[in-house]
Structure formats: structure tokens, C-alpha cells
Protein backbone atom coordinates (compact mmCIF):
# COMPACT_ATOMS: atom_id res chain seq x y z
CA MET A 1 -176.68 -223.70 198.00
CA PRO A 2 -177.93 -227.24 196.67
CA ILE A 3 -174.75 -229.36 196.74
CA ALA A 4 -174.93 -229.68 192.29
CA THR A 5 -175.14 -225.80 192.94
CA LEU A 6 -171.29 -225.71 194.62
CA LEU A 7 -169.82 -228.27 192.45
CA SER A 8 -170.69 -226.60 189.50
CA PHE A 9 -168.75 -223.59 190.68
CA VAL A 10 -165.94 -225.12 191.29
CA LEU A 11 -165.72 -226.93 187.97
CA VAL A 12 -166.78 -223.83 185.84
CA ALA A 13 -163.81 -221.95 187.93
CA TYR A 14 -161.55 -224.59 187.60
CA THR A 15 -162.03 -224.69 183.54
CA ILE A 16 -162.51 -221.10 183.15
CA GLU A 17 -158.89 -220.87 185.02
CA PHE A 18 -157.34 -223.81 182.73
CA ASP A 19 -158.48 -222.42 179.69
CA ASN A 20 -157.02 -218.75 180.04
CA ALA A 21 -153.78 -220.45 180.97
CA PHE A 22 -154.42 -222.64 177.82
CA GLU A 23 -155.20 -219.70 176.27
CA GLN A 24 -152.02 -218.07 176.81
CA LEU A 25 -149.69 -221.14 175.82
CA MET A 26 -151.41 -222.49 172.54
CA PRO A 27 -151.06 -220.76 169.13
CA HIS A 28 -154.56 -220.16 168.09
CA ARG A 29 -157.12 -218.02 166.57
CA THR A 30 -160.38 -217.03 167.26
CA THR A 31 -163.14 -215.23 166.01
CA LEU A 32 -161.30 -211.63 166.23
CA TYR A 33 -158.21 -213.26 166.96
CA GLY A 34 -155.48 -213.68 163.99
CA THR A 35 -154.56 -212.23 160.81
CA SER A 36 -155.86 -214.49 157.49
CA ASP A 37 -152.85 -216.11 157.36
CA GLU A 38 -152.64 -217.08 161.09
CA ARG A 39 -155.98 -218.31 160.43
CA ARG A 40 -154.50 -220.85 157.97
CA ARG A 41 -151.99 -222.15 160.14
CA THR A 42 -153.38 -222.54 163.47
CA PRO A 43 -155.97 -224.18 164.88
CA TRP A 44 -159.67 -222.71 166.88
CA LEU A 45 -159.05 -222.21 170.61
CA LEU A 46 -160.79 -224.93 172.52
CA SER A 47 -161.55 -225.68 176.05
CA LEU A 48 -160.26 -228.11 178.76
CA VAL A 49 -163.73 -230.17 178.13
CA MET A 50 -162.01 -231.13 174.53
CA TRP A 51 -159.24 -232.51 175.90
CA ALA A 52 -161.47 -234.52 178.23
CA ASN A 53 -164.16 -235.42 175.98
CA ALA A 54 -161.78 -236.41 172.60
CA MET A 55 -158.03 -235.36 171.99
CA GLN A 56 -157.13 -237.26 175.09
CA TYR A 57 -157.92 -239.99 173.51
CA VAL A 58 -155.94 -239.74 169.95
CA ASP A 59 -152.86 -240.91 170.53
CA ASP A 60 -150.18 -239.47 168.74
CA ASP A 61 -149.59 -242.56 166.59
CA GLY A 62 -153.18 -242.50 165.73
CA ILE A 63 -155.99 -244.37 166.35
CA SER A 64 -159.23 -245.85 164.28
CA VAL A 65 -162.72 -244.15 164.69
CA ARG A 66 -164.12 -247.41 166.25
CA GLU A 67 -161.54 -247.06 168.75
CA PHE A 68 -162.14 -243.49 169.53
CA HIS A 69 -165.72 -243.96 169.70
CA LEU A 70 -165.47 -246.40 172.38
CA ARG A 71 -162.92 -244.43 174.31
CA ALA A 72 -164.85 -241.15 174.39
CA SER A 73 -167.77 -243.13 175.04
CA ALA A 74 -169.83 -241.07 172.92
CA ARG A 75 -172.99 -241.76 170.76
CA LYS A 76 -172.46 -242.45 167.34
CA ALA A 77 -173.48 -238.87 166.18
CA ASP A 78 -171.49 -237.34 168.46
CA THR A 79 -168.59 -238.90 167.58
CA ARG A 80 -169.30 -238.09 163.71
CA MET A 81 -169.66 -234.33 165.19
CA LEU A 82 -166.56 -234.14 166.98
CA LEU A 83 -164.36 -235.55 164.51
CA GLU A 84 -165.78 -233.15 161.97
CA ARG A 85 -165.19 -230.59 163.93
CA LEU A 86 -161.83 -231.33 165.73
CA SER A 87 -160.28 -231.96 161.71
CA LYS A 88 -162.14 -229.46 159.37
CA TRP A 89 -162.94 -226.74 161.54
CA TRP A 90 -160.82 -226.54 164.46
CA GLY A 91 -157.38 -227.80 163.03
CA TYR A 92 -156.49 -230.46 165.48
CA VAL A 93 -156.50 -233.57 163.88
CA ARG A 94 -156.54 -235.01 160.20
CA MET A 95 -158.73 -238.19 159.14
CA GLU A 96 -157.18 -241.08 156.91
CA MET A 97 -159.80 -242.89 155.44
CA ALA A 98 -159.74 -246.55 154.98
CA PRO A 99 -159.98 -247.79 151.54
CA GLY A 100 -163.59 -248.43 150.56
CA SER A 101 -164.79 -246.82 153.80
CA ALA A 102 -166.41 -243.30 154.42
CA ALA A 103 -164.82 -240.35 155.94
CA HIS A 104 -165.78 -241.42 159.32
CA GLY A 105 -165.97 -244.79 158.73
CA PRO A 106 -164.84 -247.09 161.69
CA ASP A 107 -161.77 -248.38 160.14
CA SER A 108 -160.61 -244.60 158.86
CA ILE A 109 -157.43 -243.27 161.35
CA VAL A 110 -157.72 -240.07 163.58
CA ARG A 111 -154.10 -238.85 163.70
CA PRO A 112 -153.44 -235.37 165.90
CA THR A 113 -151.81 -232.75 163.63
CA SER A 114 -148.95 -230.90 164.77
CA ALA A 115 -151.07 -228.40 166.44
CA GLY A 116 -152.68 -231.08 168.23
CA ARG A 117 -150.05 -232.83 169.34
CA GLU A 118 -149.02 -229.48 170.44
CA ALA A 119 -152.29 -228.88 172.25
CA ARG A 120 -152.05 -232.78 173.85
CA ARG A 121 -148.71 -231.63 175.78
CA ILE A 122 -149.74 -228.52 177.02
CA TRP A 123 -153.32 -229.55 178.24
CA ARG A 124 -151.59 -232.99 180.24
CA GLU A 125 -149.00 -230.24 182.38
CA LEU A 126 -151.75 -227.36 182.86
CA PHE A 127 -153.70 -229.95 185.55
CA ALA A 128 -150.90 -229.85 187.80
CA THR A 129 -150.02 -226.06 187.20
CA ILE A 130 -153.89 -225.34 187.87
CA GLU A 131 -154.22 -227.63 191.27
CA ASN A 132 -150.83 -226.30 192.68
CA ARG A 133 -151.91 -222.29 192.16
CA TRP A 134 -155.39 -223.47 194.02
CA CYS A 135 -152.99 -224.86 196.76
CA GLU A 136 -151.29 -221.83 196.80
CA ARG A 137 -154.80 -219.57 196.72
CA PHE A 138 -157.35 -221.79 198.92
CA GLY A 139 -154.94 -223.72 201.03
CA THR A 140 -152.99 -227.11 200.36
CA GLU A 141 -155.42 -228.91 203.31
CA ALA A 142 -158.32 -227.79 201.74
CA ILE A 143 -157.63 -228.76 198.01
CA ALA A 144 -156.44 -232.12 199.66
CA ARG A 145 -159.66 -232.50 201.49
CA LEU A 146 -161.92 -231.77 198.08
CA ARG A 147 -159.62 -234.36 196.19
CA ALA A 148 -160.45 -236.93 198.89
CA ALA A 149 -164.11 -236.11 199.34
CA LEU A 150 -164.30 -236.15 195.94
CA GLU A 151 -162.69 -239.67 195.56
CA ASN A 152 -164.28 -241.17 198.12
CA PHE A 153 -167.57 -240.13 196.26
CA VAL A 154 -167.06 -241.21 192.93
CA ASP A 155 -165.87 -244.67 194.61
CA ALA A 156 -169.33 -244.78 196.12
CA ILE A 157 -171.05 -243.78 193.04
CA GLY A 158 -169.15 -247.06 191.67
CA ASP A 159 -169.92 -246.68 188.28
CA ASP A 160 -167.42 -244.94 185.43
CA LEU A 161 -168.57 -242.02 183.71
CA PRO A 162 -166.70 -239.52 181.33
CA GLU A 163 -164.04 -237.08 182.68
CA TYR A 164 -165.89 -234.32 181.85
CA LEU A 165 -169.47 -233.29 181.20
CA PRO A 166 -170.62 -233.90 177.75
CA ILE A 167 -171.63 -231.52 174.90
CA LEU A 168 -175.38 -230.79 175.76
CA GLY A 169 -177.95 -232.30 173.87
CA TYR A 170 -181.94 -230.95 172.88
CA GLY A 171 -182.98 -229.00 175.23
CA LEU A 172 -179.51 -228.31 176.62
CA ALA A 173 -179.79 -232.13 178.40
CA SER A 174 -177.08 -233.87 179.74
CA GLY A 175 -176.93 -237.04 177.77
CA GLY A 176 -179.94 -239.34 179.18
CA ARG A 177 -182.31 -238.04 176.93
CA GLU A 178 -181.87 -239.29 173.56
CA GLY A 179 -180.49 -242.22 174.71
CA GLU A 180 -178.48 -244.22 177.26
CA PRO A 181 -176.25 -241.79 179.57
CA ARG A 182 -172.48 -241.85 177.51
CA ARG A 183 -170.75 -244.32 179.89
CA SER A 184 -166.80 -245.68 179.35
CA VAL A 185 -166.55 -249.33 177.99
CA PRO A 186 -163.58 -249.84 180.08
CA PRO A 187 -164.10 -250.98 183.81
CA PRO A 188 -164.12 -248.05 186.54
CA PRO A 189 -160.27 -246.92 186.91
CA ALA A 190 -158.77 -248.80 190.41
CA ARG A 191 -158.63 -246.54 193.78
CA GLY A 192 -154.70 -245.76 192.65
CA GLU A 193 -155.65 -244.53 189.41
CA ARG A 194 -158.57 -242.43 190.55
CA SER A 195 -156.28 -240.38 192.86
CA ARG A 196 -154.64 -239.25 189.50
CA LEU A 197 -157.59 -238.03 187.88
CA PRO A 198 -157.77 -234.17 187.69
CA LEU A 199 -160.05 -232.24 189.84
CA SER A 200 -161.80 -231.92 186.99
CA ALA A 201 -162.34 -235.14 186.09
CA LEU A 202 -164.21 -236.07 189.68
CA LEU A 203 -165.91 -232.93 189.94
CA SER A 204 -167.44 -233.92 186.60
CA LYS A 205 -168.30 -237.34 187.35
CA VAL A 206 -170.19 -236.68 190.83
CA LEU A 207 -171.81 -233.96 188.83
CA LEU A 208 -173.07 -235.66 185.79
CA THR A 209 -174.61 -238.40 188.46
CA PHE A 210 -176.60 -235.86 189.39
CA ALA A 211 -177.62 -234.11 186.66
CA ILE A 212 -178.69 -238.05 184.90
CA ALA A 213 -181.31 -238.65 187.98
CA PHE A 214 -182.80 -234.96 187.65
CA GLU A 215 -183.30 -235.40 184.34
CA GLU A 216 -184.92 -238.94 184.48
CA GLU A 217 -187.49 -237.40 186.73
CA SER A 218 -187.73 -233.43 185.42
CA ASP A 219 -189.59 -232.19 181.74
CA VAL A 220 -186.37 -229.78 181.85
CA SER A 221 -183.05 -229.99 181.80
CA LEU A 222 -180.99 -229.49 184.71
CA ALA A 223 -178.61 -227.03 182.68
CA ILE A 224 -182.16 -224.89 181.79
CA CYS A 225 -183.60 -225.09 185.45
CA ALA A 226 -180.33 -223.94 187.04
CA ASN A 227 -179.40 -220.92 185.03
CA VAL A 228 -183.09 -219.72 183.66
CA LEU A 229 -185.63 -220.79 185.53
CA ARG A 230 -184.43 -220.23 188.93
CA VAL A 231 -183.30 -216.79 187.79
CA VAL A 232 -186.98 -215.57 186.25
CA ASP A 233 -189.03 -214.78 188.83
CA ASP A 234 -192.59 -213.53 189.01
CA ASP A 235 -192.22 -209.75 187.82
CA VAL A 236 -190.54 -208.92 184.07
CA VAL A 237 -187.08 -210.20 183.16
CA LEU A 238 -185.51 -208.74 180.34
CA VAL A 239 -183.59 -211.30 178.03
CA ARG A 240 -181.11 -209.18 178.01
CA GLU A 241 -180.49 -210.03 181.64
CA LEU A 242 -180.22 -213.21 181.82
CA PRO A 243 -176.56 -213.76 181.37
CA GLY A 244 -175.56 -211.50 183.86
CA ARG A 245 -178.02 -212.79 185.81
CA SER A 246 -176.89 -216.30 185.66
CA GLY A 247 -173.19 -216.24 184.18
CA VAL A 248 -174.08 -217.93 181.03
CA SER A 249 -173.42 -216.97 177.53
CA LYS A 250 -176.04 -214.99 175.42
CA GLU A 251 -175.89 -218.06 172.72
CA ALA A 252 -176.90 -220.63 175.69
CA ILE A 253 -179.68 -218.14 176.78
CA ASP A 254 -181.06 -218.00 173.42
CA MET A 255 -181.34 -221.80 173.15
CA ALA A 256 -182.65 -221.97 176.86
CA THR A 257 -185.21 -219.40 176.16
CA GLY A 258 -186.14 -220.78 172.71
CA TYR A 259 -186.74 -224.35 174.16
CA LEU A 260 -188.98 -222.90 176.82
CA VAL A 261 -190.73 -220.92 174.57
CA ARG A 262 -191.46 -223.86 171.60
CA HIS A 263 -192.62 -226.20 174.58
CA GLY A 264 -195.11 -223.90 176.51
CA TYR A 265 -192.99 -223.34 179.92
CA ALA A 266 -192.53 -219.22 178.60
CA LYS A 267 -193.13 -216.45 176.49
CA LEU A 268 -191.84 -213.80 175.06
CA GLU A 269 -193.17 -210.26 175.70
CA THR A 270 -192.04 -206.54 174.05
CA ARG A 271 -191.90 -203.63 176.51
CA SER A 272 -192.54 -200.31 175.32
CA ALA A 273 -189.52 -199.25 177.39
CA PRO A 274 -186.45 -199.32 177.11
CA ASN A 275 -185.64 -199.61 173.70
CA ARG A 276 -188.81 -202.78 173.16
CA ALA A 277 -186.84 -205.17 174.82
CA LYS A 278 -187.98 -208.54 175.09
CA ALA A 279 -188.95 -210.03 178.62
CA LEU A 280 -189.05 -213.37 179.19
CA VAL A 281 -192.50 -214.50 181.31
CA LEU A 282 -193.09 -217.47 182.49
CA THR A 283 -196.61 -219.43 181.92
CA SER A 284 -198.19 -221.51 185.08
CA GLU A 285 -196.28 -224.71 183.28
CA GLY A 286 -193.10 -222.36 183.30
CA ARG A 287 -193.69 -221.97 187.40
CA ARG A 288 -194.50 -225.27 187.92
CA ALA A 289 -191.27 -226.68 186.23
CA ARG A 290 -189.42 -223.88 188.42
CA ALA A 291 -191.10 -225.30 191.88
CA GLU A 292 -190.53 -228.71 190.81
CA TYR A 293 -186.83 -227.93 190.12
CA CYS A 294 -186.55 -226.70 193.81
CA ASP A 295 -188.20 -229.32 195.37
CA LEU A 296 -186.10 -232.17 192.95
CA MET A 297 -182.72 -230.49 194.19
CA ILE A 298 -183.58 -231.10 197.67
CA THR A 299 -185.08 -234.71 197.31
CA LEU A 300 -181.95 -235.97 195.40
CA GLU A 301 -180.05 -234.62 197.95
CA GLU A 302 -181.70 -236.76 200.41
CA ARG A 303 -181.65 -239.60 198.48
CA TRP A 304 -177.90 -239.31 198.42
CA VAL A 305 -177.49 -239.19 202.06
CA ALA A 306 -179.78 -242.38 202.22
CA ARG A 307 -177.61 -244.21 199.34
CA PHE A 308 -174.02 -242.89 200.31
CA GLY A 309 -174.54 -241.65 204.20
CA ALA A 310 -174.70 -238.60 205.63
CA GLU A 311 -171.11 -238.70 206.58
CA LEU A 312 -169.94 -238.84 202.84
CA VAL A 313 -172.15 -236.07 201.55
CA ARG A 314 -171.58 -233.61 204.79
CA GLU A 315 -167.84 -234.04 203.92
CA LEU A 316 -168.38 -233.44 200.16
CA ARG A 317 -170.39 -230.29 201.18
CA ALA A 318 -168.13 -228.87 203.42
CA SER A 319 -164.91 -229.58 201.47
CA LEU A 320 -166.72 -227.45 198.29
CA GLU A 321 -167.85 -225.16 200.98
CA ALA A 322 -164.50 -224.08 201.75
CA VAL A 323 -163.61 -223.24 198.71
CA THR A 324 -166.83 -221.28 197.56
CA GLY A 325 -168.07 -219.78 200.54
CA SER A 326 -171.35 -218.98 200.64
CA ASP A 327 -172.16 -217.76 196.62
CA GLY A 328 -168.61 -218.96 194.57
CA THR A 329 -167.12 -215.26 195.46
CA PRO A 330 -164.20 -216.58 196.29
CA LEU A 331 -163.64 -218.32 193.08
CA LEU A 332 -164.13 -215.21 190.94
CA ALA A 333 -160.43 -213.96 191.70
CA GLY A 334 -158.61 -216.67 189.88
CA LEU A 335 -160.37 -215.77 186.80
CA GLU A 336 -159.09 -212.74 185.31
CA PRO A 337 -158.16 -213.30 181.73
CA PRO A 338 -155.01 -212.68 180.31
CA PRO A 339 -154.22 -209.62 178.76
CA GLY A 340 -155.43 -209.56 175.23
CA GLY A 341 -157.74 -212.89 175.91
CA TRP A 342 -160.91 -212.83 174.21
CA ARG A 343 -162.75 -213.02 177.77
CA ALA A 344 -160.83 -209.78 178.87
CA ALA A 345 -163.54 -208.34 176.14
CA LEU A 346 -166.57 -209.33 178.03
CA PRO A 347 -168.22 -207.91 181.16
CA ARG A 348 -166.59 -209.00 184.14
CA ALA A 349 -168.16 -211.90 185.41
CA THR A 350 -170.10 -211.28 188.59
CA THR A 351 -171.61 -215.01 189.25
CA LEU A 352 -170.88 -218.62 188.00
CA PRO A 353 -173.16 -220.68 186.21
CA HIS A 354 -175.35 -222.96 188.47
CA PHE A 355 -174.41 -225.96 186.11
CA PRO A 356 -172.37 -225.73 183.12
CA THR A 357 -173.43 -225.10 180.07
CA VAL A 358 -171.20 -226.92 177.73
CA LEU A 359 -171.88 -226.52 173.83
CA HIS A 360 -170.85 -227.20 170.51
CA ARG A 361 -168.73 -223.96 170.32
CA GLY A 362 -165.37 -225.26 171.45
CA GLY A 363 -166.71 -226.73 174.80
CA PHE A 364 -166.33 -223.82 177.01
CA PRO A 365 -168.49 -223.97 180.27
CA ASP A 366 -170.19 -221.09 180.24
CA GLY A 367 -171.75 -221.56 176.82
CA SER A 368 -169.55 -218.71 175.30
């Protein structure tokens, strides 16, 4: 398994388990859950991703849009989008416009709603809860080894990055395609501060470093390569089979296949049986991109060995494999959704994404 795949397995599994616990503790609504009265009073269910990328920066006393933009280290368009959804769509913050300022002008104030404050409290407490669960499931020594390997790698990278992967952009790119990668304004935290970062933040920083390097050399994003091109062989693959093969949502698959078709990497064909189903067929360009993906994953890992040292990379791989096994199966045991939870209505996951697919739909790492 590529080391980026192992990182992805662990990050996605940690996030889904975290989100399942949040769902049990936080009053919320979803498309299928909540009466009309509850839908007026309760916020939309969000993922840990939205805590890491947005809500952790909104102090209880409120901050300016300018300060939020700096803390979140997002592009201006992404800042506007997040604040629009967190306030008008999801119910976690409210906006107080400064005199003469636009709704999201730099001097406007972002304040958490009562639901936002409650969500912040629950999110903060859940990190210790989930890490303790993992210590019980995998062993304290294995999780301590994983944390140490990740901290050492983040130290070696020496470049501060967000505490979770960004919401994917056009072409499901990780952030370097439309400008500079999203980076924090403050200096990187000291070693002692890094030791207090949650596992999700450490995993994200290392994985995003790999994704940015990959997308600097690939015409197709890592999310599309790892989750779609990888599973489309030279035989017929029905589009409806892709979510099960990849571990990502139908919505994410639709975005990925749409991009591949528009840019000449694949075409959709209608099969006469069964039920005139759509099949995704790679063009010669698509087969080339798939082969280049496989080669580039190997090349980038070899560069990591040259840059960071064989021992550091070897220890990171070994610590990841201790919890993922050979295919990520041991991680699936912790992903049983809570009774009545929205994931309980979905088919049981048999695989994890080979790269997280974080969309604007609430931030869930499998694109749900």
C-alpha cells in the first residue's frame, strides 16, 4: 500500500468514528432527521472537518472576518463560502455587520450561536475520548508509536499546514491548483505544542504535504486518481459500482466522473443490460493518467526517503500498518454507526477511501 493510502485509511476512520460520537451528543438535523419545528431550532450535522477548518477559530466572544480569514488560512472565496454556510445554512454562527460593511466584510464580527458554542464544547472533549478508544482497541503502545512517528514527521516537514485537509476544489484538487496552498499565518507550533495536536491534525499535515507534491506533477488530483482511476480497470466498470469499490459517496463519484469525462480521460457508455446501466470507460488519456498515478506514488515515497531519511519513513509506515493491517480492515471495526444515525441507513462499508474526499456538504471525509 502507498504510504499516502495508509495515512488516508487512518484519517478517514478516525474522523468517521469521531463524527458518529458527535452525532450522538449534539442536537442536530439532517435531510431525513428532524421535525419542521426542530429544523428551525437545531443546527445541521457537521463533521470534525468543520471544527478543524472553521469553528475552532470562532471564539465565544466573536472575532472579525479578517481575523477568521487569517486563522483559518483559507482563500477569501472559501472564507465567504464557509461563513455563508455556517451562518445561513447550518446555524453555527451569526454575522454582525460593521457599519458600512458588506455582510462578510473584513470588519464584520463572527459569533457562535448557542448551538455553535455547544458544538465547540463537544468537539473539544471528543478528541481525548476517541484517542482513548483507539488505545483500548489497538493498544496504548501502538497509538503512542503512531503519534510519535507523526510528530517526528511533522517536525521534519517544518512547514505549518491546516489541521485538516481543505475542502476540495475544482477537479477535487487539494488546494494548490487555484493559487498557493492554504497555510497558516502564525509560525509553526513548537514541539511541545505539537504533542497536544489531535491525531487527525497530525495525519492531515503529513497527508496534505504528500497531496500537494502529487498535484504539482499530476494533471489529475490525488482524490480522483486514488478513488476512481485506481478502481477502473480495462474491463467494464458500472458507475453504480464505484462507491462500493472506492469507499466514497455517490455524490463524490459523480463529481469525479464528470471531471474525467469533460477532460477526455473517460467516457460514459450505456450498457444494454442490466437496466441500461452507465459504465465508465477510460480513454487512452485516462489509462495514461492511471499509470502515471501508480508511478508517481512510488516516486514521491522514494523522494521522502531521500528528503527525510529511510528510518523516519520506515517508522511512519510501520506505525500506520500496525493499525491498518494490509488493507485497512481492522479500522472498520470502529465504524459501526449509532442506532438511528444517518450512516446506519447506508450499506455497510467494506473499504475506506484511498484519499479523503472532503466536500462542501458538511465536510465528511468520504464525501457523504
